């Protein structure tokens, strides 16, 4: 099989797996292979275990989140404005947050996954520290606490979007208002 065909097959598997598992976290590998239009043998060649497949999708999800954060990392945004931009940039990836929430206990010990996740959390923490040093964010709250609250809010937003409880715009507005009214400097 050529490299191009291998990559195309792997891409189809990752895309189909993400969609199938997002709707049914207990879907069989046979269902996933069928949705990807490949045989089970092909699936197992690329991902020998279910855990390997889920880990690959989780890492891909973090990579997409990192790509969504790249424009903010250019230095144009700092502190509170970086956090606000991050929220608006990442909400379109809500399905990725939802997926990560569903598989967290399966991937939380994967070293590659953890390194990517910690890097992202560290970046967000730096923005919070900047916002606190500029007096925009409440310095009585620890940066780690605010990171945790923001992380939880993004996961909650992804769940609400997946349940179609509000539009993306409504959730963005609610999330920003809740976060900044709760952590802003008095």
Protein backbone atom coordinates (compact mmCIF):
# COMPACT_ATOMS: atom_id res chain seq x y z
CA UNK A 1 0.00 0.00 0.00
CA UNK A 2 1.39 3.42 -0.92
CA UNK A 3 1.96 6.11 1.69
CA UNK A 4 -0.86 8.14 0.15
CA UNK A 5 -3.32 5.24 0.41
CA UNK A 6 -2.18 4.52 3.98
CA UNK A 7 -2.74 8.14 5.00
CA UNK A 8 -6.09 8.26 3.23
CA UNK A 9 -7.18 5.05 4.96
CA UNK A 10 -5.99 6.27 8.35
CA UNK A 11 -7.72 9.64 7.82
CA UNK A 12 -10.99 7.87 6.93
CA UNK A 13 -10.66 5.70 10.03
CA UNK A 14 -10.02 8.65 12.35
CA UNK A 15 -12.86 10.71 10.89
CA UNK A 16 -15.35 7.85 10.96
CA UNK A 17 -14.22 6.74 14.42
CA UNK A 18 -14.65 10.22 15.83
CA UNK A 19 -18.16 10.55 14.40
CA UNK A 20 -19.26 7.06 15.44
CA UNK A 21 -17.80 7.25 18.95
CA UNK A 22 -19.18 10.73 19.50
CA UNK A 23 -22.68 9.35 18.91
CA UNK A 24 -22.09 5.95 20.51
CA UNK A 25 -19.06 5.64 22.80
CA UNK A 26 -19.66 1.89 22.99
CA UNK A 27 -19.67 1.33 19.22
CA UNK A 28 -17.82 -1.80 18.15
CA UNK A 29 -14.69 -1.70 16.06
CA UNK A 30 -16.69 -3.48 13.35
CA UNK A 31 -19.18 -0.60 13.29
CA UNK A 32 -16.35 1.88 13.05
CA UNK A 33 -14.64 -0.02 10.22
CA UNK A 34 -17.95 -0.26 8.37
CA UNK A 35 -18.58 3.48 8.72
CA UNK A 36 -15.06 4.17 7.41
CA UNK A 37 -15.63 1.81 4.47
CA UNK A 38 -12.66 -0.34 5.41
CA UNK A 39 -12.34 -3.89 6.65
CA UNK A 40 -11.66 -4.75 10.26
CA UNK A 41 -8.20 -5.99 9.27
CA UNK A 42 -7.39 -2.53 7.93
CA UNK A 43 -8.63 -0.97 11.15
CA UNK A 44 -6.44 -3.30 13.22
CA UNK A 45 -3.39 -2.60 11.04
CA UNK A 46 -3.66 1.10 11.85
CA UNK A 47 -4.92 0.79 15.43
CA UNK A 48 -4.22 -2.60 17.04
CA UNK A 49 -6.49 -1.88 20.02
CA UNK A 50 -9.56 0.20 20.79
CA UNK A 51 -7.42 2.17 23.25
CA UNK A 52 -4.92 3.01 20.48
CA UNK A 53 -7.74 4.33 18.32
CA UNK A 54 -9.30 6.40 21.10
CA UNK A 55 -5.89 7.76 22.10
CA UNK A 56 -5.18 8.77 18.48
CA UNK A 57 -8.49 10.64 18.28
CA UNK A 58 -7.89 12.32 21.66
CA UNK A 59 -4.43 13.48 20.60
CA UNK A 60 -5.82 14.68 17.27
CA UNK A 61 -8.49 16.60 19.21
CA UNK A 62 -5.82 18.33 21.31
CA UNK A 63 -3.87 19.11 18.14
CA UNK A 64 -6.96 20.77 16.66
CA UNK A 65 -7.48 22.73 19.87
CA UNK A 66 -3.84 23.82 19.71
CA UNK A 67 -4.34 24.96 16.11
CA UNK A 68 -7.35 26.96 17.29
CA UNK A 69 -5.14 28.63 19.89
CA UNK A 70 -2.28 29.45 17.48
CA UNK A 71 -3.62 32.88 16.35
CA UNK A 72 -3.86 33.91 20.00
CA UNK A 73 -0.28 32.84 20.64
CA UNK A 74 0.98 35.38 18.11
CA UNK A 75 1.29 37.87 20.96
CA UNK A 76 -1.52 40.16 19.82
CA UNK A 77 -3.65 39.01 22.72
CA UNK A 78 -2.79 38.89 26.39
CA UNK A 79 -4.57 38.30 29.66
CA UNK A 80 -8.33 38.71 29.58
CA UNK A 81 -8.45 39.43 25.83
CA UNK A 82 -6.52 36.21 25.11
CA UNK A 83 -8.97 34.20 27.21
CA UNK A 84 -11.94 35.83 25.48
CA UNK A 85 -10.43 35.14 22.04
CA UNK A 86 -9.66 31.56 23.07
CA UNK A 87 -13.30 30.97 24.01
CA UNK A 88 -14.59 32.31 20.70
CA UNK A 89 -11.93 30.39 18.76
CA UNK A 90 -12.46 27.06 20.50
CA UNK A 91 -16.24 26.84 20.74
CA UNK A 92 -16.46 25.65 17.11
CA UNK A 93 -14.46 22.64 18.35
CA UNK A 94 -17.03 21.86 21.02
CA UNK A 95 -17.53 18.36 19.64
CA UNK A 96 -13.84 17.69 20.33
CA UNK A 97 -14.23 18.83 23.94
CA UNK A 98 -17.30 16.62 24.22
CA UNK A 99 -15.34 13.65 22.89
CA UNK A 100 -12.47 14.28 25.31
CA UNK A 101 -14.93 14.48 28.16
CA UNK A 102 -16.39 11.11 27.19
CA UNK A 103 -13.03 9.33 26.93
CA UNK A 104 -11.09 11.14 29.66
CA UNK A 105 -10.59 8.09 31.89
CA UNK A 106 -9.23 6.14 28.90
CA UNK A 107 -6.64 8.74 27.88
CA UNK A 108 -5.67 10.53 31.08
CA UNK A 109 -2.67 8.24 31.59
CA UNK A 110 -1.37 8.48 28.00
CA UNK A 111 1.91 10.41 28.28
CA UNK A 112 1.68 12.09 24.85
CA UNK A 113 -1.88 13.18 25.55
CA UNK A 114 -0.96 14.52 29.01
CA UNK A 115 1.99 16.51 27.69
CA UNK A 116 -0.18 18.23 25.06
CA UNK A 117 -2.96 18.87 27.55
CA UNK A 118 -0.60 20.29 30.19
CA UNK A 119 1.03 22.55 27.60
CA UNK A 120 -2.36 24.02 26.72
CA UNK A 121 -3.34 24.46 30.35
CA UNK A 122 0.00 26.16 31.04
CA UNK A 123 -0.61 28.64 28.22
CA UNK A 124 -4.05 29.48 29.57
CA UNK A 125 -2.58 29.86 33.06
CA UNK A 126 -0.09 32.41 31.71
CA UNK A 127 -2.93 34.43 30.19
CA UNK A 128 -4.70 34.39 33.55
CA UNK A 129 -1.55 35.54 35.34
CA UNK A 130 -1.22 38.37 32.78
CA UNK A 131 -4.85 39.36 33.36
CA UNK A 132 -4.31 39.36 37.11
CA UNK A 133 -1.12 41.43 36.86
CA UNK A 134 -2.98 43.98 34.71
CA UNK A 135 -5.79 44.17 37.27
CA UNK A 136 -8.38 42.70 34.85
CA UNK A 137 -8.85 39.46 36.75
CA UNK A 138 -9.33 38.81 40.44
CA UNK A 139 -5.94 38.10 42.01
CA UNK A 140 -7.61 36.63 45.11
CA UNK A 141 -8.31 33.53 43.00
CA UNK A 142 -5.39 31.28 42.15
CA UNK A 143 -4.55 30.89 38.46
CA UNK A 144 -4.88 27.11 38.82
CA UNK A 145 -8.42 27.54 40.13
CA UNK A 146 -9.39 29.81 37.24
CA UNK A 147 -7.86 27.39 34.71
CA UNK A 148 -9.87 24.57 36.24
CA UNK A 149 -13.08 26.61 36.19
CA UNK A 150 -12.51 27.65 32.57
CA UNK A 151 -11.71 24.08 31.54
CA UNK A 152 -14.89 22.86 33.22
CA UNK A 153 -16.92 25.61 31.59
CA UNK A 154 -15.61 24.67 28.12
CA UNK A 155 -16.58 21.06 28.71
CA UNK A 156 -20.01 22.15 29.96
CA UNK A 157 -20.42 24.35 26.90
CA UNK A 158 -19.55 21.42 24.65
CA UNK A 159 -22.13 19.24 26.36
CA UNK A 160 -24.82 21.90 26.03
CA UNK A 161 -24.02 22.31 22.35
CA UNK A 162 -24.14 18.57 21.81
CA UNK A 163 -27.58 18.53 23.44
CA UNK A 164 -28.65 21.54 21.35
CA UNK A 165 -29.71 23.36 24.51
CA UNK A 166 -28.50 26.73 23.17
CA UNK A 167 -26.87 28.07 20.05
CA UNK A 168 -23.11 28.46 19.89
CA UNK A 169 -23.51 32.25 20.07
CA UNK A 170 -25.71 32.02 23.17
CA UNK A 171 -23.29 29.66 24.88
CA UNK A 172 -20.33 31.88 23.99
CA UNK A 173 -22.10 34.89 25.49
CA UNK A 174 -23.15 32.98 28.63
CA UNK A 175 -19.71 31.46 29.12
CA UNK A 176 -17.89 34.80 28.75
CA UNK A 177 -20.34 36.59 31.02
CA UNK A 178 -20.25 33.88 33.68
CA UNK A 179 -16.47 33.59 33.61
CA UNK A 180 -15.58 37.26 33.58
CA UNK A 181 -18.23 38.44 35.99
CA UNK A 182 -17.09 35.71 38.37
CA UNK A 183 -13.33 36.28 38.15
CA UNK A 184 -12.98 39.95 37.30
CA UNK A 185 -11.20 42.29 39.63
CA UNK A 186 -13.56 44.32 41.83
